[in-house]
Amino acid sequence: MPAKLSTNRYGKSRVRLMRVTKHDSHHDVDEWTVQILLTGDFETAHTEGDNSKILATDTMKNTVYFVAHQSTATSMEAYALDLIDYILPRNPQVSSAEVVIESTLWKRLTVDGAPFPTAFMRGSEERQTTRISKNKSGETSIISGLDHLTIMKTAQSAFTGYIKESLTTLPETTDRLFATALKAEWP
C-alpha cells in the first residue's frame, strides 16, 4: 500500500513585532511574537517537490510587518484577524490559517518617583496570548488567555487532608508559602 500524506500545515514562527504608540505626554509599547500556520493543498510539495503552492516563510514574516503597518487594530485579536484576512483571499491553496500571538509585558520606568514617559523595562514572564483560526468559509475560532503568570501567597494557604501512606513524609500545615504559575484561556 503506498504512503498517503495526511493533513499537514506549515508556517512561520517567532516573528517579533514592536509597536510604539506616541502620545504627546508619553509612549505606549506593545511587543508581540507572532506565529502563522497555514493548512491547505500542499501535498505536491511533499510528494513531487513542487513548491508552486507554497507561500515562503520569509513572505509570511514580511506580511506580519506589512499588515501591522497598515492595520488600525488596537488588540492582538483584531490584528490576528487582519493578518488572516490578508492571507486567505490571496492564497487559494490555503483552506485555513491560524495566527498565534504572545504579548511581552513592558513596564514604565520610575524616575524621581514618577513614571518616565518614554523609558521601559521588561516586566514579568507573564504573556497575554491569543490563538485565532479562520477558514475560507469564514468559520472563526478565538481563544485568548494568559500564560506564565506567577502568583504567590505568603499566608493562609493550607495543605491538609491529603493521602498519607508509608512513603509520605510531608507534615500537614494550615499556613504555608504557596506559589504557582498560571495558564488560563477563554473563548
N, C-alpha and C. Protein backbone atom coordinates (compact mmCIF):
# COMPACT_ATOMS: atom_id res chain seq x y z
N MET A 1 0.85 -1.18 0.00
CA MET A 1 0.00 0.00 0.00
C MET A 1 0.90 1.24 0.00
N PRO A 2 0.68 2.17 -0.92
CA PRO A 2 1.51 3.37 -0.99
C PRO A 2 1.23 4.30 0.20
N ALA A 3 2.25 5.05 0.58
CA ALA A 3 2.09 6.02 1.66
C ALA A 3 1.17 7.15 1.20
N LYS A 4 0.39 7.66 2.14
CA LYS A 4 -0.52 8.77 1.84
C LYS A 4 -0.24 9.89 2.84
N LEU A 5 -0.12 11.07 2.31
CA LEU A 5 0.12 12.23 3.15
C LEU A 5 -1.15 12.60 3.90
N SER A 6 -1.05 12.77 5.19
CA SER A 6 -2.22 13.15 5.98
C SER A 6 -2.31 14.67 5.99
N THR A 7 -3.27 15.18 6.74
CA THR A 7 -3.42 16.63 6.87
C THR A 7 -2.09 17.22 7.35
N ASN A 8 -1.70 18.31 6.74
CA ASN A 8 -0.45 18.95 7.12
C ASN A 8 -0.62 20.45 7.11
N ARG A 9 0.27 21.10 7.82
CA ARG A 9 0.30 22.56 7.79
C ARG A 9 1.73 23.01 8.02
N TYR A 10 1.99 24.23 7.66
CA TYR A 10 3.33 24.77 7.85
C TYR A 10 3.18 26.26 8.13
N GLY A 11 4.28 26.90 8.52
CA GLY A 11 4.17 28.32 8.78
C GLY A 11 5.47 28.94 9.24
N LYS A 12 5.31 30.11 9.79
CA LYS A 12 6.43 30.91 10.28
C LYS A 12 6.17 31.24 11.73
N SER A 13 7.18 31.08 12.57
CA SER A 13 7.01 31.39 13.99
C SER A 13 8.08 32.38 14.43
N ARG A 14 7.90 32.87 15.63
CA ARG A 14 8.82 33.79 16.30
C ARG A 14 9.11 35.06 15.52
N VAL A 15 8.07 35.65 14.92
CA VAL A 15 8.22 36.94 14.26
C VAL A 15 7.95 38.00 15.32
N ARG A 16 8.96 38.77 15.66
CA ARG A 16 8.85 39.77 16.72
C ARG A 16 8.35 41.08 16.12
N LEU A 17 7.33 41.60 16.76
CA LEU A 17 6.68 42.82 16.29
C LEU A 17 6.60 43.81 17.43
N MET A 18 7.20 44.98 17.26
CA MET A 18 7.15 46.04 18.28
C MET A 18 6.30 47.19 17.75
N ARG A 19 5.43 47.70 18.63
CA ARG A 19 4.62 48.85 18.27
C ARG A 19 4.79 49.89 19.36
N VAL A 20 5.20 51.09 18.97
CA VAL A 20 5.31 52.21 19.90
C VAL A 20 4.24 53.21 19.50
N THR A 21 3.31 53.47 20.41
CA THR A 21 2.26 54.46 20.18
C THR A 21 2.68 55.73 20.89
N LYS A 22 2.88 56.79 20.13
CA LYS A 22 3.41 58.03 20.68
C LYS A 22 2.27 59.02 20.95
N HIS A 23 2.10 59.34 22.23
CA HIS A 23 1.16 60.38 22.65
C HIS A 23 1.98 61.62 23.00
N ASP A 24 1.34 62.77 23.14
CA ASP A 24 2.08 63.99 23.48
C ASP A 24 2.82 63.86 24.80
N SER A 25 2.20 63.20 25.79
CA SER A 25 2.79 63.15 27.13
C SER A 25 3.58 61.87 27.43
N HIS A 26 3.40 60.82 26.62
CA HIS A 26 4.07 59.55 26.90
C HIS A 26 3.98 58.62 25.69
N HIS A 27 4.71 57.54 25.77
CA HIS A 27 4.63 56.50 24.75
C HIS A 27 4.08 55.22 25.38
N ASP A 28 3.40 54.39 24.58
CA ASP A 28 2.97 53.06 24.99
C ASP A 28 3.69 52.05 24.11
N VAL A 29 4.05 50.91 24.69
CA VAL A 29 4.81 49.89 23.97
C VAL A 29 4.06 48.57 23.99
N ASP A 30 3.97 47.94 22.84
CA ASP A 30 3.46 46.57 22.71
C ASP A 30 4.52 45.75 22.00
N GLU A 31 4.84 44.58 22.55
CA GLU A 31 5.73 43.64 21.88
C GLU A 31 4.97 42.33 21.71
N TRP A 32 4.84 41.92 20.46
CA TRP A 32 4.12 40.69 20.15
C TRP A 32 5.05 39.72 19.42
N THR A 33 4.93 38.46 19.73
CA THR A 33 5.61 37.41 18.98
C THR A 33 4.52 36.66 18.21
N VAL A 34 4.65 36.65 16.89
CA VAL A 34 3.59 36.18 16.00
C VAL A 34 4.00 34.87 15.34
N GLN A 35 3.03 33.96 15.24
CA GLN A 35 3.19 32.70 14.51
C GLN A 35 2.03 32.57 13.53
N ILE A 36 2.33 32.17 12.30
CA ILE A 36 1.31 31.92 11.27
C ILE A 36 1.40 30.44 10.89
N LEU A 37 0.26 29.76 10.87
CA LEU A 37 0.19 28.37 10.43
C LEU A 37 -0.86 28.25 9.34
N LEU A 38 -0.48 27.68 8.20
CA LEU A 38 -1.39 27.54 7.07
C LEU A 38 -1.72 26.07 6.83
N THR A 39 -2.97 25.79 6.55
CA THR A 39 -3.43 24.45 6.17
C THR A 39 -4.02 24.57 4.78
N GLY A 40 -3.77 23.57 3.92
CA GLY A 40 -4.33 23.63 2.58
C GLY A 40 -3.78 22.58 1.65
N ASP A 41 -3.80 22.90 0.38
CA ASP A 41 -3.39 21.98 -0.68
C ASP A 41 -1.89 22.12 -0.93
N PHE A 42 -1.09 21.43 -0.10
CA PHE A 42 0.37 21.50 -0.20
C PHE A 42 0.98 20.13 -0.50
N GLU A 43 0.14 19.15 -0.83
CA GLU A 43 0.61 17.77 -0.99
C GLU A 43 1.73 17.64 -2.02
N THR A 44 1.62 18.34 -3.15
CA THR A 44 2.63 18.17 -4.19
C THR A 44 4.01 18.67 -3.74
N ALA A 45 4.06 19.55 -2.79
CA ALA A 45 5.36 19.99 -2.26
C ALA A 45 6.07 18.82 -1.59
N HIS A 46 5.30 17.94 -0.96
CA HIS A 46 5.87 16.81 -0.24
C HIS A 46 6.04 15.57 -1.12
N THR A 47 5.16 15.40 -2.09
CA THR A 47 5.19 14.17 -2.88
C THR A 47 5.93 14.33 -4.22
N GLU A 48 6.00 15.56 -4.73
CA GLU A 48 6.63 15.77 -6.04
C GLU A 48 7.73 16.84 -6.02
N GLY A 49 7.94 17.47 -4.86
CA GLY A 49 8.93 18.53 -4.80
C GLY A 49 8.49 19.80 -5.52
N ASP A 50 7.19 19.96 -5.71
CA ASP A 50 6.62 21.11 -6.42
C ASP A 50 6.20 22.16 -5.39
N ASN A 51 6.93 23.25 -5.33
CA ASN A 51 6.66 24.31 -4.35
C ASN A 51 5.76 25.42 -4.90
N SER A 52 5.09 25.19 -6.01
CA SER A 52 4.30 26.25 -6.65
C SER A 52 3.10 26.69 -5.82
N LYS A 53 2.72 25.93 -4.79
CA LYS A 53 1.60 26.31 -3.93
C LYS A 53 2.08 26.74 -2.54
N ILE A 54 3.37 26.90 -2.37
CA ILE A 54 3.94 27.21 -1.06
C ILE A 54 4.21 28.71 -0.95
N LEU A 55 3.65 29.33 0.06
CA LEU A 55 3.95 30.72 0.40
C LEU A 55 5.20 30.68 1.27
N ALA A 56 6.27 31.29 0.82
CA ALA A 56 7.54 31.24 1.54
C ALA A 56 7.40 31.82 2.95
N THR A 57 8.09 31.21 3.90
CA THR A 57 8.01 31.71 5.27
C THR A 57 8.59 33.11 5.38
N ASP A 58 9.55 33.45 4.54
CA ASP A 58 10.07 34.82 4.52
C ASP A 58 8.97 35.80 4.10
N THR A 59 8.13 35.39 3.17
CA THR A 59 6.99 36.22 2.76
C THR A 59 6.00 36.37 3.92
N MET A 60 5.80 35.28 4.68
CA MET A 60 4.92 35.36 5.86
C MET A 60 5.45 36.38 6.86
N LYS A 61 6.76 36.34 7.11
CA LYS A 61 7.38 37.31 8.04
C LYS A 61 7.13 38.74 7.54
N ASN A 62 7.37 38.97 6.25
CA ASN A 62 7.17 40.31 5.69
C ASN A 62 5.70 40.71 5.74
N THR A 63 4.80 39.74 5.61
CA THR A 63 3.36 40.01 5.69
C THR A 63 2.98 40.46 7.10
N VAL A 64 3.58 39.84 8.12
CA VAL A 64 3.34 40.26 9.50
C VAL A 64 3.65 41.75 9.65
N TYR A 65 4.79 42.18 9.13
CA TYR A 65 5.19 43.59 9.24
C TYR A 65 4.32 44.51 8.39
N PHE A 66 4.01 44.08 7.17
CA PHE A 66 3.18 44.90 6.28
C PHE A 66 1.80 45.12 6.86
N VAL A 67 1.15 44.04 7.30
CA VAL A 67 -0.20 44.17 7.85
C VAL A 67 -0.17 45.02 9.13
N ALA A 68 0.87 44.86 9.95
CA ALA A 68 0.98 45.69 11.16
C ALA A 68 1.06 47.16 10.80
N HIS A 69 1.78 47.47 9.75
CA HIS A 69 1.92 48.87 9.32
C HIS A 69 0.59 49.44 8.81
N GLN A 70 -0.22 48.60 8.16
CA GLN A 70 -1.49 49.04 7.59
C GLN A 70 -2.66 48.98 8.58
N SER A 71 -2.55 48.12 9.56
CA SER A 71 -3.68 47.83 10.45
C SER A 71 -3.95 48.96 11.45
N THR A 72 -5.22 49.12 11.77
CA THR A 72 -5.62 50.06 12.83
C THR A 72 -6.05 49.30 14.08
N ALA A 73 -5.76 48.01 14.12
CA ALA A 73 -6.17 47.16 15.25
C ALA A 73 -5.55 47.67 16.55
N THR A 74 -6.34 47.59 17.62
CA THR A 74 -5.85 48.01 18.93
C THR A 74 -5.71 46.83 19.88
N SER A 75 -5.93 45.61 19.38
CA SER A 75 -5.78 44.42 20.21
C SER A 75 -5.10 43.33 19.40
N MET A 76 -4.53 42.35 20.12
CA MET A 76 -3.92 41.20 19.44
C MET A 76 -4.94 40.47 18.59
N GLU A 77 -6.15 40.31 19.12
CA GLU A 77 -7.19 39.57 18.42
C GLU A 77 -7.55 40.26 17.10
N ALA A 78 -7.73 41.56 17.15
CA ALA A 78 -8.10 42.31 15.93
C ALA A 78 -6.97 42.26 14.91
N TYR A 79 -5.72 42.38 15.37
CA TYR A 79 -4.59 42.30 14.46
C TYR A 79 -4.49 40.91 13.83
N ALA A 80 -4.66 39.86 14.64
CA ALA A 80 -4.60 38.49 14.11
C ALA A 80 -5.65 38.29 13.02
N LEU A 81 -6.85 38.81 13.23
CA LEU A 81 -7.90 38.70 12.21
C LEU A 81 -7.52 39.48 10.95
N ASP A 82 -6.92 40.67 11.11
CA ASP A 82 -6.45 41.44 9.95
C ASP A 82 -5.42 40.63 9.16
N LEU A 83 -4.51 39.98 9.87
CA LEU A 83 -3.46 39.19 9.22
C LEU A 83 -4.06 38.01 8.46
N ILE A 84 -4.97 37.29 9.09
CA ILE A 84 -5.63 36.17 8.42
C ILE A 84 -6.43 36.65 7.21
N ASP A 85 -7.16 37.77 7.38
CA ASP A 85 -7.97 38.29 6.27
C ASP A 85 -7.11 38.81 5.12
N TYR A 86 -5.86 39.11 5.37
CA TYR A 86 -4.93 39.47 4.29
C TYR A 86 -4.45 38.22 3.56
N ILE A 87 -4.14 37.18 4.31
CA ILE A 87 -3.54 35.97 3.73
C ILE A 87 -4.55 35.11 2.97
N LEU A 88 -5.71 34.84 3.56
CA LEU A 88 -6.66 33.88 2.97
C LEU A 88 -7.09 34.22 1.53
N PRO A 89 -7.56 35.42 1.24
CA PRO A 89 -8.04 35.67 -0.13
C PRO A 89 -6.93 35.69 -1.18
N ARG A 90 -5.70 35.90 -0.77
CA ARG A 90 -4.58 35.97 -1.71
C ARG A 90 -3.96 34.61 -2.01
N ASN A 91 -4.41 33.58 -1.31
CA ASN A 91 -3.81 32.26 -1.44
C ASN A 91 -4.90 31.20 -1.58
N PRO A 92 -5.36 30.94 -2.80
CA PRO A 92 -6.47 29.99 -2.99
C PRO A 92 -6.13 28.56 -2.52
N GLN A 93 -4.87 28.21 -2.44
CA GLN A 93 -4.46 26.89 -1.99
C GLN A 93 -4.57 26.74 -0.47
N VAL A 94 -4.75 27.83 0.25
CA VAL A 94 -4.85 27.81 1.71
C VAL A 94 -6.32 27.69 2.10
N SER A 95 -6.64 26.63 2.84
CA SER A 95 -8.03 26.43 3.27
C SER A 95 -8.31 27.08 4.63
N SER A 96 -7.28 27.18 5.47
CA SER A 96 -7.45 27.87 6.75
C SER A 96 -6.11 28.38 7.23
N ALA A 97 -6.19 29.40 8.07
CA ALA A 97 -4.98 29.99 8.65
C ALA A 97 -5.19 30.15 10.15
N GLU A 98 -4.11 29.97 10.87
CA GLU A 98 -4.14 30.18 12.31
C GLU A 98 -3.02 31.15 12.67
N VAL A 99 -3.34 32.13 13.50
CA VAL A 99 -2.35 33.07 13.99
C VAL A 99 -2.33 32.98 15.51
N VAL A 100 -1.13 32.79 16.04
CA VAL A 100 -0.92 32.74 17.48
C VAL A 100 -0.04 33.92 17.85
N ILE A 101 -0.47 34.69 18.85
CA ILE A 101 0.30 35.85 19.28
C ILE A 101 0.49 35.78 20.79
N GLU A 102 1.72 36.06 21.22
CA GLU A 102 2.03 36.22 22.64
C GLU A 102 2.54 37.64 22.84
N SER A 103 2.05 38.29 23.88
CA SER A 103 2.44 39.66 24.19
C SER A 103 3.41 39.67 25.36
N THR A 104 4.51 40.37 25.20
CA THR A 104 5.50 40.53 26.26
C THR A 104 5.20 41.81 27.03
N LEU A 105 5.26 41.72 28.35
CA LEU A 105 4.94 42.86 29.21
C LEU A 105 6.13 43.80 29.35
N TRP A 106 5.90 45.06 29.11
CA TRP A 106 6.88 46.12 29.36
C TRP A 106 6.29 47.07 30.38
N LYS A 107 7.09 47.44 31.40
CA LYS A 107 6.66 48.37 32.45
C LYS A 107 7.39 49.69 32.28
N ARG A 108 6.67 50.76 32.58
CA ARG A 108 7.27 52.08 32.52
C ARG A 108 8.27 52.24 33.68
N LEU A 109 9.46 52.76 33.41
CA LEU A 109 10.45 53.01 34.46
C LEU A 109 10.01 54.18 35.33
N THR A 110 10.36 54.11 36.59
CA THR A 110 10.08 55.20 37.52
C THR A 110 11.38 55.98 37.73
N VAL A 111 11.31 57.28 37.49
CA VAL A 111 12.47 58.16 37.67
C VAL A 111 12.04 59.30 38.59
N ASP A 112 12.79 59.51 39.66
CA ASP A 112 12.46 60.55 40.65
C ASP A 112 11.04 60.39 41.16
N GLY A 113 10.60 59.15 41.36
CA GLY A 113 9.29 58.86 41.95
C GLY A 113 8.11 58.94 41.00
N ALA A 114 8.36 59.18 39.72
CA ALA A 114 7.25 59.28 38.76
C ALA A 114 7.53 58.41 37.54
N PRO A 115 6.47 57.89 36.91
CA PRO A 115 6.67 57.10 35.69
C PRO A 115 7.31 57.96 34.60
N PHE A 116 8.40 57.46 34.02
CA PHE A 116 9.07 58.18 32.94
C PHE A 116 8.30 57.92 31.65
N PRO A 117 7.99 58.95 30.86
CA PRO A 117 7.08 58.79 29.72
C PRO A 117 7.61 57.94 28.56
N THR A 118 8.93 57.78 28.45
CA THR A 118 9.47 57.10 27.26
C THR A 118 10.54 56.06 27.59
N ALA A 119 10.59 55.59 28.83
CA ALA A 119 11.58 54.58 29.21
C ALA A 119 10.87 53.39 29.86
N PHE A 120 11.29 52.18 29.47
CA PHE A 120 10.60 50.96 29.89
C PHE A 120 11.61 49.91 30.33
N MET A 121 11.12 48.96 31.12
CA MET A 121 11.90 47.77 31.43
C MET A 121 11.00 46.56 31.23
N ARG A 122 11.61 45.45 30.95
CA ARG A 122 10.87 44.23 30.75
C ARG A 122 10.14 43.88 32.03
N GLY A 123 8.90 43.47 31.92
CA GLY A 123 8.10 43.09 33.08
C GLY A 123 8.34 41.65 33.46
N SER A 124 7.36 41.03 34.04
CA SER A 124 7.46 39.63 34.44
C SER A 124 7.40 38.73 33.21
N GLU A 125 7.48 37.45 33.43
CA GLU A 125 7.45 36.48 32.33
C GLU A 125 6.04 36.18 31.84
N GLU A 126 5.03 36.78 32.45
CA GLU A 126 3.66 36.51 32.01
C GLU A 126 3.46 36.97 30.57
N ARG A 127 2.57 36.28 29.89
CA ARG A 127 2.26 36.59 28.50
C ARG A 127 0.75 36.61 28.30
N GLN A 128 0.27 37.64 27.62
CA GLN A 128 -1.10 37.60 27.12
C GLN A 128 -1.02 36.79 25.83
N THR A 129 -2.03 35.96 25.57
CA THR A 129 -1.99 35.11 24.40
C THR A 129 -3.30 35.18 23.64
N THR A 130 -3.21 34.90 22.35
CA THR A 130 -4.41 34.70 21.55
C THR A 130 -4.08 33.70 20.45
N ARG A 131 -5.07 32.88 20.13
CA ARG A 131 -4.96 31.89 19.04
C ARG A 131 -6.24 32.03 18.22
N ILE A 132 -6.07 32.48 16.98
CA ILE A 132 -7.23 32.70 16.12
C ILE A 132 -7.09 31.86 14.87
N SER A 133 -8.13 31.10 14.58
CA SER A 133 -8.18 30.27 13.38
C SER A 133 -9.39 30.70 12.56
N LYS A 134 -9.20 30.69 11.24
CA LYS A 134 -10.30 31.05 10.35
C LYS A 134 -10.14 30.26 9.06
N ASN A 135 -11.25 29.73 8.55
CA ASN A 135 -11.18 29.02 7.27
C ASN A 135 -11.84 29.85 6.17
N LYS A 136 -11.76 29.35 4.95
CA LYS A 136 -12.29 30.10 3.79
C LYS A 136 -13.78 30.36 3.89
N SER A 137 -14.52 29.51 4.59
CA SER A 137 -15.96 29.73 4.71
C SER A 137 -16.29 30.78 5.77
N GLY A 138 -15.28 31.25 6.48
CA GLY A 138 -15.49 32.31 7.47
C GLY A 138 -15.61 31.81 8.90
N GLU A 139 -15.64 30.49 9.09
CA GLU A 139 -15.72 29.94 10.44
C GLU A 139 -14.47 30.36 11.22
N THR A 140 -14.70 31.01 12.36
CA THR A 140 -13.60 31.60 13.12
C THR A 140 -13.61 31.09 14.56
N SER A 141 -12.43 30.84 15.08
CA SER A 141 -12.26 30.44 16.48
C SER A 141 -11.27 31.40 17.13
N ILE A 142 -11.65 31.96 18.28
CA ILE A 142 -10.78 32.88 19.01
C ILE A 142 -10.65 32.37 20.44
N ILE A 143 -9.41 32.11 20.85
CA ILE A 143 -9.13 31.72 22.23
C ILE A 143 -8.01 32.61 22.73
N SER A 144 -8.30 33.38 23.77
CA SER A 144 -7.30 34.27 24.36
C SER A 144 -7.02 33.83 25.78
N GLY A 145 -5.97 34.38 26.36
CA GLY A 145 -5.66 33.98 27.73
C GLY A 145 -4.39 34.59 28.27
N LEU A 146 -3.90 33.96 29.33
CA LEU A 146 -2.66 34.32 30.00
C LEU A 146 -1.82 33.06 30.14
N ASP A 147 -0.51 33.23 30.10
CA ASP A 147 0.39 32.11 30.31
C ASP A 147 1.59 32.62 31.10
N HIS A 148 2.18 31.76 31.90
CA HIS A 148 3.37 32.06 32.71
C HIS A 148 3.13 33.18 33.73
N LEU A 149 1.90 33.31 34.22
CA LEU A 149 1.61 34.29 35.28
C LEU A 149 1.96 33.63 36.61
N THR A 150 3.02 34.09 37.24
CA THR A 150 3.47 33.51 38.51
C THR A 150 2.83 34.30 39.64
N ILE A 151 2.14 33.57 40.52
CA ILE A 151 1.46 34.20 41.65
C ILE A 151 1.92 33.53 42.95
N MET A 152 1.83 34.28 44.07
CA MET A 152 2.29 33.73 45.34
C MET A 152 1.43 34.26 46.48
N LYS A 153 1.18 33.38 47.46
CA LYS A 153 0.56 33.75 48.73
C LYS A 153 1.58 33.46 49.82
N THR A 154 1.73 34.36 50.77
CA THR A 154 2.70 34.16 51.85
C THR A 154 2.03 33.71 53.15
N ALA A 155 0.71 33.60 53.14
CA ALA A 155 -0.01 33.16 54.35
C ALA A 155 -1.38 32.62 53.95
N GLN A 156 -2.05 31.97 54.90
CA GLN A 156 -3.41 31.46 54.74
C GLN A 156 -3.55 30.48 53.57
N SER A 157 -2.56 29.63 53.39
CA SER A 157 -2.62 28.58 52.38
C SER A 157 -2.37 27.26 53.09
N ALA A 158 -3.41 26.46 53.22
CA ALA A 158 -3.31 25.18 53.94
C ALA A 158 -3.07 24.04 52.96
N PHE A 159 -2.41 23.00 53.47
CA PHE A 159 -2.31 21.73 52.74
C PHE A 159 -2.51 20.62 53.76
N THR A 160 -3.77 20.18 53.82
CA THR A 160 -4.16 19.16 54.80
C THR A 160 -5.10 18.17 54.14
N GLY A 161 -5.31 17.02 54.79
CA GLY A 161 -6.29 16.06 54.33
C GLY A 161 -5.89 15.26 53.12
N TYR A 162 -4.63 15.24 52.77
CA TYR A 162 -4.17 14.51 51.60
C TYR A 162 -3.89 13.04 51.96
N ILE A 163 -3.68 12.22 50.95
CA ILE A 163 -3.41 10.80 51.16
C ILE A 163 -2.07 10.64 51.86
N LYS A 164 -2.07 9.84 52.92
CA LYS A 164 -0.83 9.53 53.64
C LYS A 164 -0.62 8.03 53.56
N GLU A 165 0.60 7.65 53.19
CA GLU A 165 0.95 6.23 53.14
C GLU A 165 2.39 6.09 53.58
N SER A 166 2.96 4.94 53.44
CA SER A 166 4.27 4.65 54.02
C SER A 166 5.39 5.54 53.48
N LEU A 167 5.24 6.11 52.31
CA LEU A 167 6.28 6.97 51.74
C LEU A 167 6.01 8.46 51.96
N THR A 168 4.93 8.81 52.64
CA THR A 168 4.60 10.21 52.90
C THR A 168 5.42 10.71 54.08
N THR A 169 6.16 11.80 53.87
CA THR A 169 6.94 12.41 54.95
C THR A 169 6.52 13.85 55.20
N LEU A 170 5.73 14.42 54.30
CA LEU A 170 5.33 15.82 54.41
C LEU A 170 4.28 16.00 55.51
N PRO A 171 4.56 16.87 56.49
CA PRO A 171 3.55 17.10 57.53
C PRO A 171 2.45 18.05 57.04
N GLU A 172 1.26 17.89 57.57
CA GLU A 172 0.17 18.80 57.24
C GLU A 172 0.49 20.18 57.80
N THR A 173 -0.04 21.21 57.12
CA THR A 173 0.15 22.58 57.61
C THR A 173 -1.07 23.41 57.24
N THR A 174 -1.38 24.38 58.08
CA THR A 174 -2.51 25.28 57.80
C THR A 174 -2.04 26.68 57.40
N ASP A 175 -0.72 26.89 57.37
CA ASP A 175 -0.19 28.19 56.98
C ASP A 175 1.17 27.98 56.32
N ARG A 176 1.24 28.22 55.03
CA ARG A 176 2.47 27.98 54.29
C ARG A 176 2.63 28.98 53.16
N LEU A 177 3.81 29.03 52.61
CA LEU A 177 4.08 29.81 51.40
C LEU A 177 3.59 28.98 50.21
N PHE A 178 2.85 29.60 49.32
CA PHE A 178 2.32 28.89 48.16
C PHE A 178 2.56 29.73 46.91
N ALA A 179 3.18 29.13 45.88
CA ALA A 179 3.40 29.82 44.61
C ALA A 179 3.11 28.86 43.47
N THR A 180 2.65 29.42 42.37
CA THR A 180 2.35 28.59 41.20
C THR A 180 2.41 29.46 39.95
N ALA A 181 2.51 28.81 38.82
CA ALA A 181 2.42 29.50 37.53
C ALA A 181 1.04 29.19 36.95
N LEU A 182 0.38 30.21 36.48
CA LEU A 182 -1.00 30.10 36.00
C LEU A 182 -1.05 30.21 34.48
N LYS A 183 -1.86 29.33 33.90
CA LYS A 183 -2.23 29.44 32.49
C LYS A 183 -3.74 29.40 32.44
N ALA A 184 -4.34 30.38 31.79
CA ALA A 184 -5.79 30.44 31.68
C ALA A 184 -6.16 30.83 30.25
N GLU A 185 -7.21 30.21 29.72
CA GLU A 185 -7.70 30.53 28.38
C GLU A 185 -9.21 30.68 28.41
N TRP A 186 -9.70 31.52 27.51
CA TRP A 186 -11.15 31.71 27.41
C TRP A 186 -11.50 32.00 25.95
N PRO A 187 -12.70 31.58 25.54
CA PRO A 187 -13.13 31.85 24.15
C PRO A 187 -13.59 33.29 23.98
